[in-house]
PDB file of N, CA and C in Angstrom:
ATOM      1  N   MET A   1       0.973  -1.044  -0.097  1.00  0.00           N
ATOM      2  CA  MET A   1      -0.085   0.046   0.125  1.00  0.00           C
ATOM      3  C   MET A   1       1.018   1.080  -0.311  1.00  0.00           C
ATOM      4  N   ARG A   2       0.375   2.097  -0.641  1.00  0.00           N
ATOM      5  CA  ARG A   2       1.188   3.422  -0.954  1.00  0.00           C
ATOM      6  C   ARG A   2       0.707   4.655  -0.326  1.00  0.00           C
ATOM      7  N   LYS A   3       1.646   5.073   0.785  1.00  0.00           N
ATOM      8  CA  LYS A   3       1.231   5.906   1.590  1.00  0.00           C
ATOM      9  C   LYS A   3       1.016   7.094   1.105  1.00  0.00           C
ATOM     10  N   GLN A   4       0.054   7.660   1.799  1.00  0.00           N
ATOM     11  CA  GLN A   4      -0.640   9.284   1.326  1.00  0.00           C
ATOM     12  C   GLN A   4       0.242  10.123   1.756  1.00  0.00           C
ATOM     13  N   TYR A   5       0.965  11.475   1.373  1.00  0.00           N
ATOM     14  CA  TYR A   5       1.663  12.505   1.343  1.00  0.00           C
ATOM     15  C   TYR A   5       0.972  13.857   0.970  1.00  0.00           C
ATOM     16  N   LEU A   6       1.332  14.706   1.616  1.00  0.00           N
ATOM     17  CA  LEU A   6       0.508  16.225   1.602  1.00  0.00           C
ATOM     18  C   LEU A   6       1.028  16.632   0.427  1.00  0.00           C
ATOM     19  N   ARG A   7      -0.023  17.039  -0.607  1.00  0.00           N
ATOM     20  CA  ARG A   7       0.361  17.159  -2.138  1.00  0.00           C
ATOM     21  C   ARG A   7       0.743  19.077  -1.930  1.00  0.00           C
ATOM     22  N   VAL A   8       1.576  19.398  -2.652  1.00  0.00           N
ATOM     23  CA  VAL A   8       2.133  21.137  -2.557  1.00  0.00           C
ATOM     24  C   VAL A   8       2.036  21.690  -3.615  1.00  0.00           C
ATOM     25  N   MET A   9       1.413  22.753  -4.279  1.00  0.00           N
ATOM     26  CA  MET A   9       1.683  23.312  -5.129  1.00  0.00           C
ATOM     27  C   MET A   9       2.942  24.121  -5.336  1.00  0.00           C
ATOM     28  N   VAL A  10       3.222  23.518  -6.624  1.00  0.00           N
ATOM     29  CA  VAL A  10       4.911  23.972  -6.896  1.00  0.00           C
ATOM     30  C   VAL A  10       4.822  24.289  -8.467  1.00  0.00           C
ATOM     31  N   GLU A  11       5.205  25.806  -9.009  1.00  0.00           N
ATOM     32  CA  GLU A  11       4.877  26.059 -10.268  1.00  0.00           C
ATOM     33  C   GLU A  11       6.535  26.299 -10.642  1.00  0.00           C
ATOM     34  N   GLN A  12       7.148  25.515 -11.086  1.00  0.00           N
ATOM     35  CA  GLN A  12       8.638  25.219 -11.443  1.00  0.00           C
ATOM     36  C   GLN A  12       8.822  24.417 -12.948  1.00  0.00           C
ATOM     37  N   THR A  13      10.042  25.017 -13.213  1.00  0.00           N
ATOM     38  CA  THR A  13       9.843  24.248 -14.901  1.00  0.00           C
ATOM     39  C   THR A  13      10.775  22.953 -14.649  1.00  0.00           C
ATOM     40  N   ILE A  14      10.745  22.044 -15.057  1.00  0.00           N
ATOM     41  CA  ILE A  14      11.309  20.643 -14.835  1.00  0.00           C
ATOM     42  C   ILE A  14      11.522  20.275 -16.488  1.00  0.00           C
ATOM     43  N   THR A  15      12.312  19.054 -16.179  1.00  0.00           N
ATOM     44  CA  THR A  15      13.046  18.057 -17.136  1.00  0.00           C
ATOM     45  C   THR A  15      12.209  17.396 -17.545  1.00  0.00           C
ATOM     46  N   ILE A  16      11.732  16.410 -18.326  1.00  0.00           N
ATOM     47  CA  ILE A  16      11.174  15.361 -18.532  1.00  0.00           C
ATOM     48  C   ILE A  16      11.993  14.305 -19.479  1.00  0.00           C
ATOM     49  N   ILE A  17      12.685  13.263 -19.217  1.00  0.00           N
ATOM     50  CA  ILE A  17      13.501  12.308 -19.975  1.00  0.00           C
ATOM     51  C   ILE A  17      12.771  11.146 -20.194  1.00  0.00           C
ATOM     52  N   THR A  18      12.646  10.701 -21.583  1.00  0.00           N
ATOM     53  CA  THR A  18      12.144   9.174 -21.947  1.00  0.00           C
ATOM     54  C   THR A  18      13.037   8.547 -22.820  1.00  0.00           C
ATOM     55  N   ARG A  19      12.907   7.285 -22.974  1.00  0.00           N
ATOM     56  CA  ARG A  19      13.894   6.676 -23.849  1.00  0.00           C
ATOM     57  C   ARG A  19      13.836   7.611 -25.111  1.00  0.00           C
ATOM     58  N   ASP A  20      13.115   8.109 -25.675  1.00  0.00           N
ATOM     59  CA  ASP A  20      12.876   8.678 -27.077  1.00  0.00           C
ATOM     60  C   ASP A  20      12.943  10.114 -27.205  1.00  0.00           C
ATOM     61  N   TRP A  21      12.647  11.098 -26.408  1.00  0.00           N
ATOM     62  CA  TRP A  21      12.995  12.598 -26.377  1.00  0.00           C
ATOM     63  C   TRP A  21      12.969  13.182 -24.617  1.00  0.00           C
ATOM     64  N   LYS A  22      13.116  14.094 -24.632  1.00  0.00           N
ATOM     65  CA  LYS A  22      13.683  15.173 -23.753  1.00  0.00           C
ATOM     66  C   LYS A  22      13.181  16.477 -23.965  1.00  0.00           C
ATOM     67  N   ASN A  23      11.964  16.936 -22.917  1.00  0.00           N
ATOM     68  CA  ASN A  23      11.686  18.356 -22.672  1.00  0.00           C
ATOM     69  C   ASN A  23      12.039  19.215 -21.491  1.00  0.00           C
ATOM     70  N   ASP A  24      12.753  19.878 -22.153  1.00  0.00           N
ATOM     71  CA  ASP A  24      13.470  20.715 -20.920  1.00  0.00           C
ATOM     72  C   ASP A  24      12.286  21.980 -20.054  1.00  0.00           C
ATOM     73  N   LEU A  25      10.949  21.818 -21.021  1.00  0.00           N
ATOM     74  CA  LEU A  25       9.985  23.227 -20.447  1.00  0.00           C
ATOM     75  C   LEU A  25       8.935  22.216 -19.544  1.00  0.00           C
ATOM     76  N   ALA A  26       9.172  21.402 -19.148  1.00  0.00           N
ATOM     77  CA  ALA A  26       7.475  20.939 -18.602  1.00  0.00           C
ATOM     78  C   ALA A  26       7.454  21.830 -17.303  1.00  0.00           C
ATOM     79  N   MET A  27       6.369  22.118 -16.996  1.00  0.00           N
ATOM     80  CA  MET A  27       5.777  22.504 -15.354  1.00  0.00           C
ATOM     81  C   MET A  27       5.070  21.760 -15.000  1.00  0.00           C
ATOM     82  N   SER A  28       5.985  21.959 -13.577  1.00  0.00           N
ATOM     83  CA  SER A  28       5.541  21.454 -12.592  1.00  0.00           C
ATOM     84  C   SER A  28       4.228  21.853 -11.762  1.00  0.00           C
ATOM     85  N   LEU A  29       3.173  20.725 -11.470  1.00  0.00           N
ATOM     86  CA  LEU A  29       2.147  21.918 -10.853  1.00  0.00           C
ATOM     87  C   LEU A  29       1.477  21.807  -9.565  1.00  0.00           C
ATOM     88  N   ASP A  30       2.091  20.029  -9.123  1.00  0.00           N
ATOM     89  CA  ASP A  30       2.230  19.771  -7.550  1.00  0.00           C
ATOM     90  C   ASP A  30       3.004  18.587  -7.484  1.00  0.00           C
ATOM     91  N   ILE A  31       3.274  18.246  -5.527  1.00  0.00           N
ATOM     92  CA  ILE A  31       4.042  17.412  -5.853  1.00  0.00           C
ATOM     93  C   ILE A  31       3.968  16.682  -4.372  1.00  0.00           C
ATOM     94  N   SER A  32       4.194  15.638  -4.183  1.00  0.00           N
ATOM     95  CA  SER A  32       4.630  15.160  -2.866  1.00  0.00           C
ATOM     96  C   SER A  32       5.566  14.105  -2.623  1.00  0.00           C
ATOM     97  N   PHE A  33       5.950  13.143  -1.724  1.00  0.00           N
ATOM     98  CA  PHE A  33       6.792  12.243  -1.870  1.00  0.00           C
ATOM     99  C   PHE A  33       6.305  11.178  -2.845  1.00  0.00           C
ATOM    100  N   ASN A  34       5.035  11.287  -3.025  1.00  0.00           N
ATOM    101  CA  ASN A  34       4.526   9.997  -4.125  1.00  0.00           C
ATOM    102  C   ASN A  34       4.651  10.026  -5.335  1.00  0.00           C
ATOM    103  N   GLY A  35       4.517  11.350  -5.577  1.00  0.00           N
ATOM    104  CA  GLY A  35       4.852  11.710  -6.889  1.00  0.00           C
ATOM    105  C   GLY A  35       4.236  13.453  -7.609  1.00  0.00           C
ATOM    106  N   THR A  36       4.202  13.543  -8.868  1.00  0.00           N
ATOM    107  CA  THR A  36       4.199  15.061  -9.452  1.00  0.00           C
ATOM    108  C   THR A  36       2.925  14.877 -10.027  1.00  0.00           C
ATOM    109  N   ARG A  37       2.647  15.808 -10.868  1.00  0.00           N
ATOM    110  CA  ARG A  37       2.096  16.722 -11.949  1.00  0.00           C
ATOM    111  C   ARG A  37       2.152  17.442 -12.810  1.00  0.00           C
ATOM    112  N   PHE A  38       2.255  16.985 -13.875  1.00  0.00           N
ATOM    113  CA  PHE A  38       2.779  18.679 -14.610  1.00  0.00           C
ATOM    114  C   PHE A  38       2.588  18.846 -16.382  1.00  0.00           C
ATOM    115  N   HIS A  39       2.606  19.969 -16.946  1.00  0.00           N
ATOM    116  CA  HIS A  39       2.119  20.038 -17.954  1.00  0.00           C
ATOM    117  C   HIS A  39       3.101  19.660 -18.905  1.00  0.00           C
ATOM    118  N   VAL A  40       3.235  19.112 -20.336  1.00  0.00           N
ATOM    119  CA  VAL A  40       4.318  18.923 -21.212  1.00  0.00           C
ATOM    120  C   VAL A  40       3.626  18.881 -22.577  1.00  0.00           C
ATOM    121  N   GLU A  41       4.594  18.752 -23.655  1.00  0.00           N
ATOM    122  CA  GLU A  41       4.173  19.363 -25.126  1.00  0.00           C
ATOM    123  C   GLU A  41       4.121  17.733 -25.336  1.00  0.00           C
ATOM    124  N   HIS A  42       4.279  16.810 -25.124  1.00  0.00           N
ATOM    125  CA  HIS A  42       4.418  15.379 -25.854  1.00  0.00           C
ATOM    126  C   HIS A  42       3.619  14.373 -24.845  1.00  0.00           C
ATOM    127  N   GLY A  43       2.749  13.699 -25.088  1.00  0.00           N
ATOM    128  CA  GLY A  43       2.061  12.602 -24.593  1.00  0.00           C
ATOM    129  C   GLY A  43       2.907  11.301 -24.273  1.00  0.00           C
ATOM    130  N   LEU A  44       2.798  11.061 -23.191  1.00  0.00           N
ATOM    131  CA  LEU A  44       2.772  10.013 -22.716  1.00  0.00           C
ATOM    132  C   LEU A  44       2.114   8.543 -22.390  1.00  0.00           C
ATOM    133  N   SER A  45       2.781   7.589 -22.142  1.00  0.00           N
ATOM    134  CA  SER A  45       1.975   6.125 -22.649  1.00  0.00           C
ATOM    135  C   SER A  45       1.805   5.985 -20.783  1.00  0.00           C
ATOM    136  N   GLU A  46       0.813   5.463 -20.040  1.00  0.00           N
ATOM    137  CA  GLU A  46       0.344   5.000 -18.660  1.00  0.00           C
ATOM    138  C   GLU A  46       1.433   3.820 -18.642  1.00  0.00           C
ATOM    139  N   GLY A  47       2.083   3.646 -17.534  1.00  0.00           N
ATOM    140  CA  GLY A  47       2.981   2.797 -17.121  1.00  0.00           C
ATOM    141  C   GLY A  47       4.370   2.825 -17.873  1.00  0.00           C
ATOM    142  N   ASN A  48       4.931   3.816 -18.605  1.00  0.00           N
ATOM    143  CA  ASN A  48       5.766   3.983 -19.055  1.00  0.00           C
ATOM    144  C   ASN A  48       6.926   4.515 -17.835  1.00  0.00           C
ATOM    145  N   ASP A  49       8.174   4.379 -18.170  1.00  0.00           N
ATOM    146  CA  ASP A  49       9.154   5.057 -17.026  1.00  0.00           C
ATOM    147  C   ASP A  49       9.856   5.889 -17.434  1.00  0.00           C
ATOM    148  N   ILE A  50       9.853   7.221 -16.542  1.00  0.00           N
ATOM    149  CA  ILE A  50      10.543   8.168 -17.045  1.00  0.00           C
ATOM    150  C   ILE A  50      11.364   8.505 -16.392  1.00  0.00           C
ATOM    151  N   THR A  51      11.888   9.863 -16.194  1.00  0.00           N
ATOM    152  CA  THR A  51      13.007  10.258 -15.483  1.00  0.00           C
ATOM    153  C   THR A  51      12.801  11.941 -15.082  1.00  0.00           C
ATOM    154  N   ILE A  52      12.664  12.483 -14.155  1.00  0.00           N
ATOM    155  CA  ILE A  52      12.346  13.597 -13.906  1.00  0.00           C
ATOM    156  C   ILE A  52      13.451  14.838 -13.361  1.00  0.00           C
ATOM    157  N   LEU A  53      14.011  15.593 -14.041  1.00  0.00           N
ATOM    158  CA  LEU A  53      15.576  16.215 -13.354  1.00  0.00           C
ATOM    159  C   LEU A  53      14.703  17.601 -12.862  1.00  0.00           C
ATOM    160  N   PHE A  54      14.703  17.992 -11.787  1.00  0.00           N
ATOM    161  CA  PHE A  54      14.383  19.104 -11.121  1.00  0.00           C
ATOM    162  C   PHE A  54      15.521  20.170 -11.158  1.00  0.00           C
ATOM    163  N   GLU A  55      14.919  21.432 -11.025  1.00  0.00           N
ATOM    164  CA  GLU A  55      16.233  22.559 -11.340  1.00  0.00           C
ATOM    165  C   GLU A  55      17.247  22.385  -9.959  1.00  0.00           C
ATOM    166  N   ASN A  56      17.095  21.885  -8.744  1.00  0.00           N
ATOM    167  CA  ASN A  56      18.136  21.601  -7.843  1.00  0.00           C
ATOM    168  C   ASN A  56      19.115  20.445  -8.157  1.00  0.00           C
ATOM    169  N   GLY A  57      18.977  20.065  -9.916  1.00  0.00           N
ATOM    170  CA  GLY A  57      19.320  18.695  -9.945  1.00  0.00           C
ATOM    171  C   GLY A  57      19.436  17.412  -9.628  1.00  0.00           C
ATOM    172  N   LEU A  58      18.352  17.192  -9.001  1.00  0.00           N
ATOM    173  CA  LEU A  58      17.585  16.099  -8.236  1.00  0.00           C
ATOM    174  C   LEU A  58      16.980  15.585  -9.639  1.00  0.00           C
ATOM    175  N   LYS A  59      17.815  14.250  -9.715  1.00  0.00           N
ATOM    176  CA  LYS A  59      16.674  13.605 -10.701  1.00  0.00           C
ATOM    177  C   LYS A  59      15.879  11.778 -10.048  1.00  0.00           C
ATOM    178  N   ILE A  60      14.899  12.174 -10.397  1.00  0.00           N
ATOM    179  CA  ILE A  60      14.153  10.887 -10.212  1.00  0.00           C
ATOM    180  C   ILE A  60      12.992   9.980 -10.700  1.00  0.00           C
ATOM    181  N   GLY A  61      13.450   8.900 -10.559  1.00  0.00           N
ATOM    182  CA  GLY A  61      12.701   7.976 -11.439  1.00  0.00           C
ATOM    183  C   GLY A  61      11.639   8.062 -11.490  1.00  0.00           C
ATOM    184  N   ALA A  62      10.400   7.600 -12.171  1.00  0.00           N
ATOM    185  CA  ALA A  62       8.900   8.271 -12.247  1.00  0.00           C
ATOM    186  C   ALA A  62       7.932   6.860 -13.081  1.00  0.00           C
ATOM    187  N   LYS A  63       7.033   6.831 -12.687  1.00  0.00           N
ATOM    188  CA  LYS A  63       5.889   5.773 -13.737  1.00  0.00           C
ATOM    189  C   LYS A  63       5.075   6.383 -13.823  1.00  0.00           C
ATOM    190  N   VAL A  64       4.564   6.525 -15.085  1.00  0.00           N
ATOM    191  CA  VAL A  64       3.206   7.423 -15.557  1.00  0.00           C
ATOM    192  C   VAL A  64       2.105   6.639 -15.063  1.00  0.00           C
ATOM    193  N   ARG A  65       1.148   7.372 -14.378  1.00  0.00           N
ATOM    194  CA  ARG A  65       0.010   7.237 -13.862  1.00  0.00           C
ATOM    195  C   ARG A  65      -1.227   7.669 -14.911  1.00  0.00           C
ATOM    196  N   TRP A  66      -0.958   8.723 -15.488  1.00  0.00           N
ATOM    197  CA  TRP A  66      -2.320   8.743 -16.603  1.00  0.00           C
ATOM    198  C   TRP A  66      -1.701   9.889 -17.518  1.00  0.00           C
ATOM    199  N   CYS A  67      -2.210  10.678 -18.599  1.00  0.00           N
ATOM    200  CA  CYS A  67      -1.702  11.196 -19.303  1.00  0.00           C
ATOM    201  C   CYS A  67      -2.959  11.657 -20.258  1.00  0.00           C
ATOM    202  N   TRP A  68      -3.311  12.827 -19.990  1.00  0.00           N
ATOM    203  CA  TRP A  68      -4.721  13.727 -20.765  1.00  0.00           C
ATOM    204  C   TRP A  68      -3.997  14.812 -21.582  1.00  0.00           C
ATOM    205  N   PRO A  69      -4.892  14.803 -22.982  1.00  0.00           N
ATOM    206  CA  PRO A  69      -4.525  16.045 -23.558  1.00  0.00           C
ATOM    207  C   PRO A  69      -5.460  17.215 -22.956  1.00  0.00           C
ATOM    208  N   ILE A  70      -4.918  18.098 -23.195  1.00  0.00           N
ATOM    209  CA  ILE A  70      -5.693  19.747 -22.934  1.00  0.00           C
ATOM    210  C   ILE A  70      -5.042  20.561 -23.531  1.00  0.00           C
ATOM    211  N   GLU A  71      -6.014  20.811 -24.863  1.00  0.00           N
ATOM    212  CA  GLU A  71      -5.678  21.872 -26.171  1.00  0.00           C
ATOM    213  C   GLU A  71      -4.345  21.312 -26.398  1.00  0.00           C
ATOM    214  N   TRP A  72      -3.226  22.487 -26.353  1.00  0.00           N
ATOM    215  CA  TRP A  72      -2.171  22.125 -27.200  1.00  0.00           C
ATOM    216  C   TRP A  72      -0.725  21.587 -26.185  1.00  0.00           C
ATOM    217  N   TYR A  73      -1.469  21.168 -24.964  1.00  0.00           N
ATOM    218  CA  TYR A  73      -0.002  20.551 -24.359  1.00  0.00           C
ATOM    219  C   TYR A  73      -0.626  19.229 -23.741  1.00  0.00           C
ATOM    220  N   TYR A  74      -0.236  18.458 -22.763  1.00  0.00           N
ATOM    221  CA  TYR A  74      -0.541  17.258 -22.125  1.00  0.00           C
ATOM    222  C   TYR A  74      -0.435  17.676 -20.516  1.00  0.00           C
ATOM    223  N   GLN A  75      -1.606  16.696 -19.526  1.00  0.00           N
ATOM    224  CA  GLN A  75      -1.144  16.792 -18.451  1.00  0.00           C
ATOM    225  C   GLN A  75      -1.055  15.451 -18.021  1.00  0.00           C
ATOM    226  N   VAL A  76      -0.093  15.293 -17.099  1.00  0.00           N
ATOM    227  CA  VAL A  76       0.533  14.587 -17.106  1.00  0.00           C
ATOM    228  C   VAL A  76       0.775  13.898 -15.270  1.00  0.00           C
ATOM    229  N   ALA A  77       0.459  12.723 -14.707  1.00  0.00           N
ATOM    230  CA  ALA A  77       0.634  12.851 -13.689  1.00  0.00           C
ATOM    231  C   ALA A  77       1.432  11.089 -13.303  1.00  0.00           C
ATOM    232  N   VAL A  78       2.509  11.516 -12.924  1.00  0.00           N
ATOM    233  CA  VAL A  78       3.794  10.491 -12.231  1.00  0.00           C
ATOM    234  C   VAL A  78       3.697   9.742 -10.865  1.00  0.00           C
ATOM    235  N   GLU A  79       3.950   8.487 -10.458  1.00  0.00           N
ATOM    236  CA  GLU A  79       4.259   8.651  -9.275  1.00  0.00           C
ATOM    237  C   GLU A  79       5.848   7.950  -9.037  1.00  0.00           C
ATOM    238  N   PHE A  80       6.495   8.086  -7.367  1.00  0.00           N
ATOM    239  CA  PHE A  80       7.765   7.518  -7.396  1.00  0.00           C
ATOM    240  C   PHE A  80       7.585   6.536  -6.661  1.00  0.00           C
ATOM    241  N   PRO A  81       7.661   5.415  -7.574  1.00  0.00           N
ATOM    242  CA  PRO A  81       7.450   4.026  -6.944  1.00  0.00           C
ATOM    243  C   PRO A  81       9.179   4.095  -6.467  1.00  0.00           C
ATOM    244  N   TYR A  82      10.007   4.328  -6.732  1.00  0.00           N
ATOM    245  CA  TYR A  82      11.499   4.083  -6.400  1.00  0.00           C
ATOM    246  C   TYR A  82      12.339   4.807  -5.690  1.00  0.00           C
ATOM    247  N   ILE A  83      11.556   5.676  -4.955  1.00  0.00           N
ATOM    248  CA  ILE A  83      12.583   6.865  -4.545  1.00  0.00           C
ATOM    249  C   ILE A  83      13.157   6.530  -2.985  1.00  0.00           C
ATOM    250  N   THR A  84      14.389   7.058  -3.115  1.00  0.00           N
ATOM    251  CA  THR A  84      14.904   6.580  -1.878  1.00  0.00           C
ATOM    252  C   THR A  84      15.032   7.812  -0.961  1.00  0.00           C
ATOM    253  N   ARG A  85      15.169   7.449   0.334  1.00  0.00           N
ATOM    254  CA  ARG A  85      15.507   8.350   1.259  1.00  0.00           C
ATOM    255  C   ARG A  85      16.258   9.657   1.013  1.00  0.00           C
ATOM    256  N   LYS A  86      17.342   9.340   0.237  1.00  0.00           N
ATOM    257  CA  LYS A  86      18.049  10.693   0.045  1.00  0.00           C
ATOM    258  C   LYS A  86      17.794  11.408  -0.823  1.00  0.00           C
ATOM    259  N   GLN A  87      16.690  10.710  -1.929  1.00  0.00           N
ATOM    260  CA  GLN A  87      15.887  11.775  -2.915  1.00  0.00           C
ATOM    261  C   GLN A  87      14.424  12.391  -1.932  1.00  0.00           C
ATOM    262  N   LYS A  88      14.332  11.824  -1.160  1.00  0.00           N
ATOM    263  CA  LYS A  88      12.908  12.030  -0.555  1.00  0.00           C
ATOM    264  C   LYS A  88      13.653  13.478   0.570  1.00  0.00           C
ATOM    265  N   GLU A  89      14.882  13.857   0.580  1.00  0.00           N
ATOM    266  CA  GLU A  89      15.464  14.771   1.864  1.00  0.00           C
ATOM    267  C   GLU A  89      15.690  15.521   0.719  1.00  0.00           C
ATOM    268  N   LYS A  90      16.177  15.575  -0.419  1.00  0.00           N
ATOM    269  CA  LYS A  90      16.823  16.613  -1.874  1.00  0.00           C
ATOM    270  C   LYS A  90      14.903  17.233  -1.981  1.00  0.00           C
ATOM    271  N   LEU A  91      14.271  15.853  -2.209  1.00  0.00           N
ATOM    272  CA  LEU A  91      13.152  16.841  -2.960  1.00  0.00           C
ATOM    273  C   LEU A  91      12.030  17.711  -1.470  1.00  0.00           C
ATOM    274  N   LYS A  92      12.346  17.275  -0.208  1.00  0.00           N
ATOM    275  CA  LYS A  92      12.149  18.001   0.644  1.00  0.00           C
ATOM    276  C   LYS A  92      12.614  19.644   0.467  1.00  0.00           C
ATOM    277  N   THR A  93      13.756  19.351   0.249  1.00  0.00           N
ATOM    278  CA  THR A  93      14.614  20.754   0.328  1.00  0.00           C
ATOM    279  C   THR A  93      14.187  21.706  -0.911  1.00  0.00           C
ATOM    280  N   TYR A  94      13.633  20.959  -2.106  1.00  0.00           N
ATOM    281  CA  TYR A  94      13.364  21.491  -3.431  1.00  0.00           C
ATOM    282  C   TYR A  94      11.926  21.917  -3.187  1.00  0.00           C
ATOM    283  N   ILE A  95      11.054  21.421  -2.274  1.00  0.00           N
ATOM    284  CA  ILE A  95       9.974  21.924  -2.235  1.00  0.00           C
ATOM    285  C   ILE A  95      10.111  23.172  -1.593  1.00  0.00           C
ATOM    286  N   THR A  96      10.574  22.929  -0.440  1.00  0.00           N
ATOM    287  CA  THR A  96      10.674  24.377   0.516  1.00  0.00           C
ATOM    288  C   THR A  96      11.228  25.606   0.050  1.00  0.00           C
ATOM    289  N   GLU A  97      12.625  25.346  -0.933  1.00  0.00           N
ATOM    290  CA  GLU A  97      12.798  26.362  -1.828  1.00  0.00           C
ATOM    291  C   GLU A  97      12.311  26.911  -2.720  1.00  0.00           C
ATOM    292  N   SER A  98      11.390  26.044  -3.725  1.00  0.00           N
ATOM    293  CA  SER A  98      10.444  26.539  -4.476  1.00  0.00           C
ATOM    294  C   SER A  98       9.368  27.470  -4.098  1.00  0.00           C
ATOM    295  N   THR A  99       8.669  26.550  -2.453  1.00  0.00           N
ATOM    296  CA  THR A  99       7.229  27.734  -2.009  1.00  0.00           C
ATOM    297  C   THR A  99       7.777  28.637  -1.494  1.00  0.00           C
ATOM    298  N   GLY A 100       9.168  28.278  -0.728  1.00  0.00           N
ATOM    299  CA  GLY A 100       9.401  29.531  -0.044  1.00  0.00           C
ATOM    300  C   GLY A 100       9.180  29.536   1.486  1.00  0.00           C
ATOM    301  N   LYS A 101       8.504  27.996   1.679  1.00  0.00           N
ATOM    302  CA  LYS A 101       7.620  27.844   3.249  1.00  0.00           C
ATOM    303  C   LYS A 101       8.046  26.221   3.642  1.00  0.00           C
ATOM    304  N   PRO A 102       8.083  26.055   4.994  1.00  0.00           N
ATOM    305  CA  PRO A 102       8.654  24.891   5.186  1.00  0.00           C
ATOM    306  C   PRO A 102       7.549  23.508   4.621  1.00  0.00           C
ATOM    307  N   TYR A 103       8.418  22.209   4.454  1.00  0.00           N
ATOM    308  CA  TYR A 103       7.121  21.444   4.085  1.00  0.00           C
ATOM    309  C   TYR A 103       6.161  21.006   5.300  1.00  0.00           C
ATOM    310  N   PRO A 104       4.912  21.112   4.753  1.00  0.00           N
ATOM    311  CA  PRO A 104       3.877  21.106   5.597  1.00  0.00           C
ATOM    312  C   PRO A 104       3.756  19.779   6.805  1.00  0.00           C
ATOM    313  N   GLU A 105       3.541  19.877   7.844  1.00  0.00           N
ATOM    314  CA  GLU A 105       2.927  18.728   8.518  1.00  0.00           C
ATOM    315  C   GLU A 105       4.206  17.730   8.204  1.00  0.00           C
ATOM    316  N   GLU A 106       5.545  18.521   8.486  1.00  0.00           N
ATOM    317  CA  GLU A 106       6.350  16.982   8.323  1.00  0.00           C
ATOM    318  C   GLU A 106       6.519  16.254   9.324  1.00  0.00           C
ATOM    319  N   ASP A 107       6.527  14.958   9.102  1.00  0.00           N
ATOM    320  CA  ASP A 107       6.351  13.845  10.243  1.00  0.00           C
ATOM    321  C   ASP A 107       7.558  12.868   9.924  1.00  0.00           C
ATOM    322  N   GLU A 108       8.193  12.420  11.083  1.00  0.00           N
ATOM    323  CA  GLU A 108       9.541  11.625  10.447  1.00  0.00           C
ATOM    324  C   GLU A 108       9.315  10.678   9.763  1.00  0.00           C
ATOM    325  N   GLU A 109       8.104  10.099   9.855  1.00  0.00           N
ATOM    326  CA  GLU A 109       7.342   8.924   9.004  1.00  0.00           C
ATOM    327  C   GLU A 109       7.618   8.979   7.655  1.00  0.00           C
ATOM    328  N   ASP A 110       7.545  10.395   7.095  1.00  0.00           N
ATOM    329  CA  ASP A 110       7.646  10.492   5.577  1.00  0.00           C
ATOM    330  C   ASP A 110       9.250  10.138   5.236  1.00  0.00           C
ATOM    331  N   PHE A 111      10.234   9.853   6.012  1.00  0.00           N
ATOM    332  CA  PHE A 111      11.582   9.305   5.659  1.00  0.00           C
ATOM    333  C   PHE A 111      11.573   8.019   6.230  1.00  0.00           C
ATOM    334  N   GLU A 112      10.756   7.161   6.596  1.00  0.00           N
ATOM    335  CA  GLU A 112      10.844   5.790   6.805  1.00  0.00           C
ATOM    336  C   GLU A 112      10.629   5.262   5.364  1.00  0.00           C
ATOM    337  N   MET A 113      11.487   4.293   5.381  1.00  0.00           N
ATOM    338  CA  MET A 113      11.182   3.688   3.994  1.00  0.00           C
ATOM    339  C   MET A 113      10.491   1.886   4.318  1.00  0.00           C
ATOM    340  N   GLU A 114       9.251   2.036   3.068  1.00  0.00           N
ATOM    341  CA  GLU A 114       8.405   0.870   3.220  1.00  0.00           C
ATOM    342  C   GLU A 114       9.061  -0.409   2.920  1.00  0.00           C
ATOM    343  N   GLU A 115       9.276  -1.465   3.716  1.00  0.00           N
ATOM    344  CA  GLU A 115       9.737  -2.486   2.894  1.00  0.00           C
ATOM    345  C   GLU A 115       9.618  -3.252   1.655  1.00  0.00           C
TER     346      GLU A 115
END
């Protein structure tokens, strides 16, 4: 079972890397330790593995949950099924720096790895 984390609104440019293409201008909408939603110019297929590169240099592997066309772009939701403790800590820093606020309702459990 996947633990639900609080989602935080983050409007930052991210880079999406797939096996076939790279987009440096995707726009992140919201993020949690579970995953993120973003706008991108290319469609993605459910279940595909991608890599997200954040502005602070953090790279996280992600799996596409869904992808919907909206006018001239796509809105995509991905999960972070393989995120490590170290990546969670860097992601927390990214969220804090992007929003200018501390990560809400932080709990030490947020950094516990599920077996």
